N, C-alpha and C. Protein backbone atom coordinates (compact mmCIF):
# COMPACT_ATOMS: atom_id res chain seq x y z
N MET A 1 -27.18 -95.92 -7.51
CA MET A 1 -27.77 -94.64 -7.86
C MET A 1 -28.70 -94.27 -6.68
N SER A 2 -28.63 -92.95 -6.34
CA SER A 2 -29.50 -92.49 -5.26
C SER A 2 -30.89 -93.07 -5.62
N ASP A 3 -31.77 -92.97 -4.64
CA ASP A 3 -33.14 -93.20 -4.82
C ASP A 3 -33.74 -92.15 -5.67
N THR A 4 -33.39 -90.89 -5.46
CA THR A 4 -33.97 -89.74 -6.34
C THR A 4 -33.53 -89.75 -7.66
N LEU A 5 -32.21 -90.04 -7.96
CA LEU A 5 -31.92 -90.17 -9.37
C LEU A 5 -32.55 -91.51 -10.06
N LYS A 6 -32.65 -92.60 -9.23
CA LYS A 6 -33.34 -93.70 -9.86
C LYS A 6 -34.69 -93.30 -10.08
N ARG A 7 -35.40 -92.76 -9.31
CA ARG A 7 -36.83 -92.39 -9.52
C ARG A 7 -36.90 -91.53 -10.75
N LEU A 8 -35.96 -90.55 -10.91
CA LEU A 8 -35.96 -89.75 -12.09
C LEU A 8 -35.70 -90.39 -13.36
N TRP A 9 -34.84 -91.41 -13.25
CA TRP A 9 -34.57 -92.21 -14.45
C TRP A 9 -35.82 -93.02 -14.72
N GLU A 10 -36.47 -93.55 -13.82
CA GLU A 10 -37.67 -94.38 -14.10
C GLU A 10 -38.75 -93.48 -14.59
N SER A 11 -38.83 -92.29 -14.05
CA SER A 11 -39.83 -91.34 -14.57
C SER A 11 -39.64 -90.96 -15.96
N SER A 12 -38.24 -90.78 -16.21
CA SER A 12 -37.92 -90.24 -17.65
C SER A 12 -38.19 -91.32 -18.55
N GLU A 13 -37.78 -92.60 -18.30
CA GLU A 13 -38.14 -93.77 -19.15
C GLU A 13 -39.67 -93.83 -19.40
N GLN A 14 -40.47 -93.84 -18.42
CA GLN A 14 -41.76 -93.96 -18.67
C GLN A 14 -42.43 -92.76 -19.46
N PHE A 15 -41.80 -91.64 -19.41
CA PHE A 15 -42.14 -90.44 -20.04
C PHE A 15 -42.03 -90.68 -21.56
N PHE A 16 -40.72 -91.19 -21.91
CA PHE A 16 -40.50 -91.49 -23.23
C PHE A 16 -41.41 -92.60 -23.74
N ARG A 17 -41.68 -93.66 -22.98
CA ARG A 17 -42.46 -94.75 -23.39
C ARG A 17 -43.91 -94.34 -23.50
N ARG A 18 -44.41 -93.42 -22.67
CA ARG A 18 -45.78 -92.98 -22.82
C ARG A 18 -46.00 -92.20 -24.21
N PHE A 19 -44.93 -91.66 -24.74
CA PHE A 19 -45.13 -91.01 -26.00
C PHE A 19 -44.52 -91.80 -27.13
N ASP A 20 -44.44 -93.09 -26.94
CA ASP A 20 -43.90 -94.10 -27.95
C ASP A 20 -42.60 -93.62 -28.57
N SER A 21 -41.63 -93.13 -27.69
CA SER A 21 -40.28 -92.57 -28.06
C SER A 21 -39.24 -93.17 -27.28
N PHE A 22 -39.37 -94.45 -27.00
CA PHE A 22 -38.38 -95.04 -26.25
C PHE A 22 -37.53 -96.15 -27.15
N PRO A 23 -36.30 -96.14 -27.44
CA PRO A 23 -35.37 -95.07 -26.75
C PRO A 23 -35.62 -93.77 -27.42
N PRO A 24 -35.18 -92.62 -26.76
CA PRO A 24 -35.42 -91.36 -27.35
C PRO A 24 -34.41 -91.19 -28.43
N ASP A 25 -34.91 -90.19 -29.33
CA ASP A 25 -33.94 -89.92 -30.53
C ASP A 25 -32.81 -89.15 -29.97
N LEU A 26 -31.54 -89.61 -30.46
CA LEU A 26 -30.25 -88.87 -29.93
C LEU A 26 -30.30 -87.42 -30.37
N ASP A 27 -30.50 -87.13 -31.56
CA ASP A 27 -30.39 -85.71 -31.94
C ASP A 27 -31.43 -84.86 -31.31
N ALA A 28 -32.59 -85.35 -31.02
CA ALA A 28 -33.66 -84.61 -30.25
C ALA A 28 -32.99 -84.30 -28.90
N GLN A 29 -32.55 -85.30 -28.32
CA GLN A 29 -32.02 -85.21 -26.89
C GLN A 29 -30.87 -84.09 -26.91
N LEU A 30 -30.07 -84.21 -27.87
CA LEU A 30 -28.93 -83.34 -27.91
C LEU A 30 -29.39 -81.89 -27.93
N ARG A 31 -30.37 -81.60 -28.84
CA ARG A 31 -30.95 -80.26 -28.94
C ARG A 31 -31.70 -79.82 -27.53
N CYS A 32 -32.35 -80.87 -26.88
CA CYS A 32 -32.82 -80.55 -25.63
C CYS A 32 -31.84 -80.26 -24.56
N VAL A 33 -30.74 -81.01 -24.54
CA VAL A 33 -29.62 -80.66 -23.66
C VAL A 33 -29.25 -79.19 -23.86
N ALA A 34 -29.02 -78.84 -25.05
CA ALA A 34 -28.56 -77.41 -25.44
C ALA A 34 -29.55 -76.40 -24.80
N GLU A 35 -30.91 -76.75 -25.26
CA GLU A 35 -31.90 -75.79 -24.76
C GLU A 35 -32.03 -75.78 -23.26
N GLU A 36 -31.94 -76.93 -22.65
CA GLU A 36 -32.20 -76.80 -21.22
C GLU A 36 -30.87 -76.16 -20.39
N THR A 37 -29.82 -76.37 -20.97
CA THR A 37 -28.56 -75.72 -20.47
C THR A 37 -28.62 -74.29 -20.56
N ALA A 38 -29.07 -73.82 -21.69
CA ALA A 38 -29.19 -72.36 -21.89
C ALA A 38 -30.20 -71.86 -20.86
N GLU A 39 -31.36 -72.45 -20.60
CA GLU A 39 -32.34 -72.12 -19.69
C GLU A 39 -31.89 -71.98 -18.28
N LEU A 40 -30.90 -73.12 -18.00
CA LEU A 40 -30.22 -73.12 -16.57
C LEU A 40 -29.34 -71.82 -16.46
N TYR A 41 -28.59 -71.52 -17.54
CA TYR A 41 -27.57 -70.52 -17.56
C TYR A 41 -28.36 -69.01 -17.23
N ILE A 42 -29.48 -68.92 -17.99
CA ILE A 42 -30.28 -67.72 -17.73
C ILE A 42 -30.81 -67.58 -16.45
N ALA A 43 -31.32 -68.71 -15.89
CA ALA A 43 -32.04 -68.73 -14.63
C ALA A 43 -30.85 -68.40 -13.51
N THR A 44 -29.64 -69.05 -13.67
CA THR A 44 -28.44 -68.88 -12.76
C THR A 44 -28.12 -67.37 -12.80
N LYS A 45 -28.04 -66.77 -13.96
CA LYS A 45 -27.43 -65.36 -14.03
C LYS A 45 -28.49 -64.44 -13.29
N GLU A 46 -29.77 -64.69 -13.51
CA GLU A 46 -30.92 -63.98 -12.95
C GLU A 46 -30.76 -64.18 -11.38
N ALA A 47 -30.63 -65.25 -10.88
CA ALA A 47 -30.59 -65.44 -9.39
C ALA A 47 -29.45 -64.68 -8.84
N ALA A 48 -28.23 -64.87 -9.54
CA ALA A 48 -26.96 -64.05 -9.09
C ALA A 48 -27.10 -62.71 -9.05
N TRP A 49 -27.80 -62.07 -10.11
CA TRP A 49 -28.09 -60.72 -10.04
C TRP A 49 -29.01 -60.16 -8.98
N LEU A 50 -30.07 -60.98 -8.74
CA LEU A 50 -30.94 -60.72 -7.64
C LEU A 50 -30.25 -60.73 -6.22
N GLU A 51 -29.28 -61.82 -6.14
CA GLU A 51 -28.46 -61.74 -4.81
C GLU A 51 -27.63 -60.51 -4.67
N HIS A 52 -27.03 -60.24 -5.85
CA HIS A 52 -26.08 -58.96 -6.05
C HIS A 52 -26.82 -57.65 -5.63
N GLU A 53 -28.01 -57.61 -6.04
CA GLU A 53 -28.90 -56.38 -5.78
C GLU A 53 -29.48 -56.43 -4.45
N GLY A 54 -29.31 -57.50 -3.76
CA GLY A 54 -29.81 -57.67 -2.25
C GLY A 54 -31.34 -57.86 -2.15
N ASN A 55 -31.83 -58.23 -3.18
CA ASN A 55 -33.34 -58.69 -3.40
C ASN A 55 -33.47 -60.31 -2.92
N LEU A 56 -33.24 -60.47 -1.61
CA LEU A 56 -33.27 -61.89 -1.15
C LEU A 56 -34.40 -62.77 -1.27
N ASP A 57 -35.61 -62.00 -1.16
CA ASP A 57 -36.81 -62.80 -1.32
C ASP A 57 -36.92 -63.30 -2.89
N ALA A 58 -36.72 -62.39 -3.90
CA ALA A 58 -36.79 -62.74 -5.17
C ALA A 58 -35.58 -63.69 -5.50
N HIS A 59 -34.49 -63.57 -4.93
CA HIS A 59 -33.32 -64.49 -5.02
C HIS A 59 -33.71 -65.89 -4.71
N ALA A 60 -34.49 -66.04 -3.58
CA ALA A 60 -34.88 -67.30 -3.11
C ALA A 60 -35.78 -68.04 -4.07
N VAL A 61 -36.71 -67.26 -4.68
CA VAL A 61 -37.61 -67.72 -5.62
C VAL A 61 -36.84 -68.14 -6.92
N ALA A 62 -35.91 -67.29 -7.24
CA ALA A 62 -35.14 -67.53 -8.50
C ALA A 62 -34.18 -68.78 -8.33
N CYS A 63 -33.74 -69.05 -7.05
CA CYS A 63 -32.99 -70.33 -6.84
C CYS A 63 -33.81 -71.52 -6.94
N GLY A 64 -35.04 -71.46 -6.78
CA GLY A 64 -36.09 -72.58 -6.88
C GLY A 64 -36.01 -72.87 -8.52
N ALA A 65 -36.06 -71.73 -9.28
CA ALA A 65 -36.15 -71.84 -10.82
C ALA A 65 -34.89 -72.56 -11.17
N VAL A 66 -33.72 -72.16 -10.61
CA VAL A 66 -32.40 -72.74 -11.05
C VAL A 66 -32.42 -74.22 -10.75
N ALA A 67 -32.95 -74.61 -9.60
CA ALA A 67 -33.01 -75.99 -9.26
C ALA A 67 -33.88 -76.73 -10.29
N ARG A 68 -35.04 -76.19 -10.53
CA ARG A 68 -35.87 -76.88 -11.61
C ARG A 68 -35.11 -77.04 -12.99
N GLU A 69 -34.45 -75.93 -13.36
CA GLU A 69 -33.77 -76.06 -14.66
C GLU A 69 -32.61 -77.09 -14.53
N ALA A 70 -31.97 -77.16 -13.41
CA ALA A 70 -30.87 -78.06 -13.27
C ALA A 70 -31.51 -79.59 -13.33
N ALA A 71 -32.56 -79.87 -12.80
CA ALA A 71 -33.25 -81.08 -12.85
C ALA A 71 -33.71 -81.46 -14.30
N ASP A 72 -34.06 -80.33 -15.06
CA ASP A 72 -34.43 -80.59 -16.50
C ASP A 72 -33.17 -80.94 -17.29
N VAL A 73 -32.03 -80.38 -17.03
CA VAL A 73 -30.83 -80.68 -17.67
C VAL A 73 -30.40 -82.19 -17.25
N ILE A 74 -30.64 -82.55 -16.12
CA ILE A 74 -30.36 -84.00 -15.58
C ILE A 74 -31.31 -84.98 -16.55
N VAL A 75 -32.46 -84.50 -16.64
CA VAL A 75 -33.52 -85.34 -17.34
C VAL A 75 -33.13 -85.52 -18.81
N THR A 76 -32.66 -84.40 -19.33
CA THR A 76 -32.21 -84.52 -20.87
C THR A 76 -30.91 -85.31 -21.03
N VAL A 77 -30.07 -85.23 -19.98
CA VAL A 77 -28.84 -85.95 -20.08
C VAL A 77 -29.17 -87.49 -19.90
N GLN A 78 -30.01 -87.76 -19.19
CA GLN A 78 -30.44 -89.19 -19.00
C GLN A 78 -31.00 -89.58 -20.33
N GLY A 79 -31.81 -88.74 -20.97
CA GLY A 79 -32.38 -89.05 -22.30
C GLY A 79 -31.23 -89.38 -23.22
N VAL A 80 -30.16 -88.62 -23.37
CA VAL A 80 -29.04 -88.90 -24.08
C VAL A 80 -28.48 -90.18 -23.89
N CYS A 81 -28.27 -90.55 -22.55
CA CYS A 81 -27.97 -91.91 -22.14
C CYS A 81 -28.78 -93.02 -22.71
N MET A 82 -30.09 -92.80 -22.50
CA MET A 82 -31.05 -93.81 -22.88
C MET A 82 -30.93 -93.83 -24.53
N ALA A 83 -30.81 -92.90 -25.13
CA ALA A 83 -30.71 -92.95 -26.54
C ALA A 83 -29.47 -93.83 -27.05
N LEU A 84 -28.42 -93.78 -26.18
CA LEU A 84 -27.31 -94.54 -26.63
C LEU A 84 -27.19 -95.85 -26.12
N GLY A 85 -28.25 -96.23 -25.29
CA GLY A 85 -28.39 -97.69 -24.71
C GLY A 85 -27.57 -97.76 -23.37
N ILE A 86 -27.25 -96.63 -22.79
CA ILE A 86 -26.51 -96.69 -21.50
C ILE A 86 -27.60 -96.89 -20.51
N THR A 87 -27.39 -97.87 -19.63
CA THR A 87 -28.29 -98.17 -18.56
C THR A 87 -28.20 -97.23 -17.37
N ALA A 88 -29.29 -97.30 -16.48
CA ALA A 88 -29.16 -96.58 -15.10
C ALA A 88 -28.03 -97.06 -14.32
N GLU A 89 -27.89 -98.38 -14.41
CA GLU A 89 -26.71 -98.94 -13.62
C GLU A 89 -25.33 -98.49 -14.14
N GLN A 90 -25.20 -98.38 -15.49
CA GLN A 90 -23.89 -97.73 -16.03
C GLN A 90 -23.72 -96.29 -15.52
N LEU A 91 -24.79 -95.53 -15.65
CA LEU A 91 -24.77 -94.11 -15.31
C LEU A 91 -24.33 -93.99 -13.79
N ALA A 92 -25.06 -94.74 -13.15
CA ALA A 92 -24.78 -94.81 -11.50
C ALA A 92 -23.24 -95.04 -11.25
N ALA A 93 -22.70 -96.02 -11.92
CA ALA A 93 -21.25 -96.46 -11.89
C ALA A 93 -20.47 -95.31 -12.37
N ALA A 94 -20.69 -94.68 -13.25
CA ALA A 94 -19.99 -93.50 -13.84
C ALA A 94 -20.08 -92.32 -12.70
N ILE A 95 -21.18 -92.15 -12.17
CA ILE A 95 -21.37 -91.04 -11.14
C ILE A 95 -20.49 -91.35 -10.02
N GLU A 96 -20.50 -92.60 -9.65
CA GLU A 96 -19.60 -92.91 -8.40
C GLU A 96 -18.09 -92.80 -8.74
N GLN A 97 -17.73 -93.18 -10.03
CA GLN A 97 -16.30 -93.03 -10.41
C GLN A 97 -15.98 -91.45 -10.22
N VAL A 98 -16.76 -90.57 -10.95
CA VAL A 98 -16.46 -89.21 -10.74
C VAL A 98 -16.45 -88.64 -9.44
N ALA A 99 -17.33 -89.17 -8.49
CA ALA A 99 -17.40 -88.74 -7.12
C ALA A 99 -16.05 -89.22 -6.45
N GLN A 100 -15.66 -90.40 -6.77
CA GLN A 100 -14.30 -90.79 -6.24
C GLN A 100 -13.24 -89.98 -6.66
N LYS A 101 -13.11 -89.73 -7.98
CA LYS A 101 -12.13 -88.86 -8.54
C LYS A 101 -12.21 -87.50 -7.91
N ASN A 102 -13.28 -86.85 -7.63
CA ASN A 102 -13.38 -85.61 -7.15
C ASN A 102 -12.87 -85.70 -5.69
N ASP A 103 -13.22 -86.77 -4.90
CA ASP A 103 -12.77 -87.00 -3.52
C ASP A 103 -11.19 -87.11 -3.40
N SER A 104 -10.59 -87.55 -4.48
CA SER A 104 -9.17 -87.73 -4.49
C SER A 104 -8.44 -86.40 -4.64
N LYS A 105 -9.08 -85.41 -5.20
CA LYS A 105 -8.23 -84.02 -5.59
C LYS A 105 -8.14 -83.29 -4.20
N THR A 106 -6.95 -82.82 -4.24
CA THR A 106 -6.56 -82.05 -2.94
C THR A 106 -5.99 -80.74 -3.45
N LEU A 107 -5.56 -79.86 -2.48
CA LEU A 107 -4.77 -78.62 -2.82
C LEU A 107 -3.52 -78.96 -3.36
N ASP A 108 -2.94 -80.14 -2.93
CA ASP A 108 -1.66 -80.59 -3.38
C ASP A 108 -1.55 -81.04 -4.82
N THR A 109 -2.74 -81.57 -5.40
CA THR A 109 -2.94 -82.05 -6.67
C THR A 109 -3.44 -81.18 -7.68
N HIS A 110 -4.32 -80.13 -7.19
CA HIS A 110 -5.08 -79.29 -8.00
C HIS A 110 -5.04 -77.98 -7.52
N TYR A 111 -5.54 -77.05 -8.26
CA TYR A 111 -5.64 -75.57 -7.96
C TYR A 111 -6.81 -74.85 -8.85
N VAL A 112 -7.26 -73.88 -8.51
CA VAL A 112 -8.22 -73.13 -9.25
C VAL A 112 -7.46 -72.17 -10.18
N ASN A 113 -7.73 -72.39 -11.52
CA ASN A 113 -6.98 -71.69 -12.62
C ASN A 113 -7.73 -70.25 -12.63
N SER A 114 -7.14 -69.45 -13.61
CA SER A 114 -7.70 -68.02 -13.80
C SER A 114 -9.02 -68.05 -14.41
N ALA A 115 -9.60 -69.15 -14.99
CA ALA A 115 -11.05 -69.26 -15.38
C ALA A 115 -11.89 -69.66 -14.36
N GLY A 116 -11.37 -69.99 -13.24
CA GLY A 116 -12.18 -70.54 -12.11
C GLY A 116 -12.53 -72.07 -12.10
N LYS A 117 -11.78 -72.59 -12.88
CA LYS A 117 -11.85 -74.16 -13.10
C LYS A 117 -10.72 -74.68 -12.23
N ILE A 118 -11.14 -75.94 -11.46
CA ILE A 118 -10.25 -76.69 -10.66
C ILE A 118 -9.42 -77.49 -11.73
N ALA A 119 -8.20 -77.34 -11.71
CA ALA A 119 -7.25 -77.90 -12.72
C ALA A 119 -6.03 -78.80 -11.95
N ARG A 120 -5.59 -79.58 -12.71
CA ARG A 120 -4.49 -80.49 -12.15
C ARG A 120 -3.16 -79.65 -12.12
N ARG A 121 -2.49 -79.74 -11.01
CA ARG A 121 -1.25 -79.06 -10.95
C ARG A 121 -0.19 -79.75 -11.86
N GLU A 122 0.72 -78.98 -12.46
CA GLU A 122 1.78 -79.71 -13.22
C GLU A 122 2.81 -80.12 -12.22
N ASN A 123 3.50 -81.19 -12.49
CA ASN A 123 4.53 -81.81 -11.62
C ASN A 123 5.77 -81.09 -11.84
């Protein structure tokens, strides 16, 4: 796990412990994931609109908000993992597996479908 993600994991764990909520409640974390994801969506749409309108100064500020919302989503996903007993090391291993899987995808094996998703080509 990168130093930044490890730092965030440790910070999140200490946060939950500080409020005597470790491990965190799974249902509460799932609600938080939904809430934070919605906030990320709204912030992203605003940043995109500002860019489209050519308001680059406001767009830059909005992108900072998007980054913070993305970090909040990561924290709440870590909380889901903690609630299920998944360790930082297990999450790090899964992140590495996903990175390797992404690295193996090429234009020969995948394409961008009509929904904008990168999908596996049919053989």
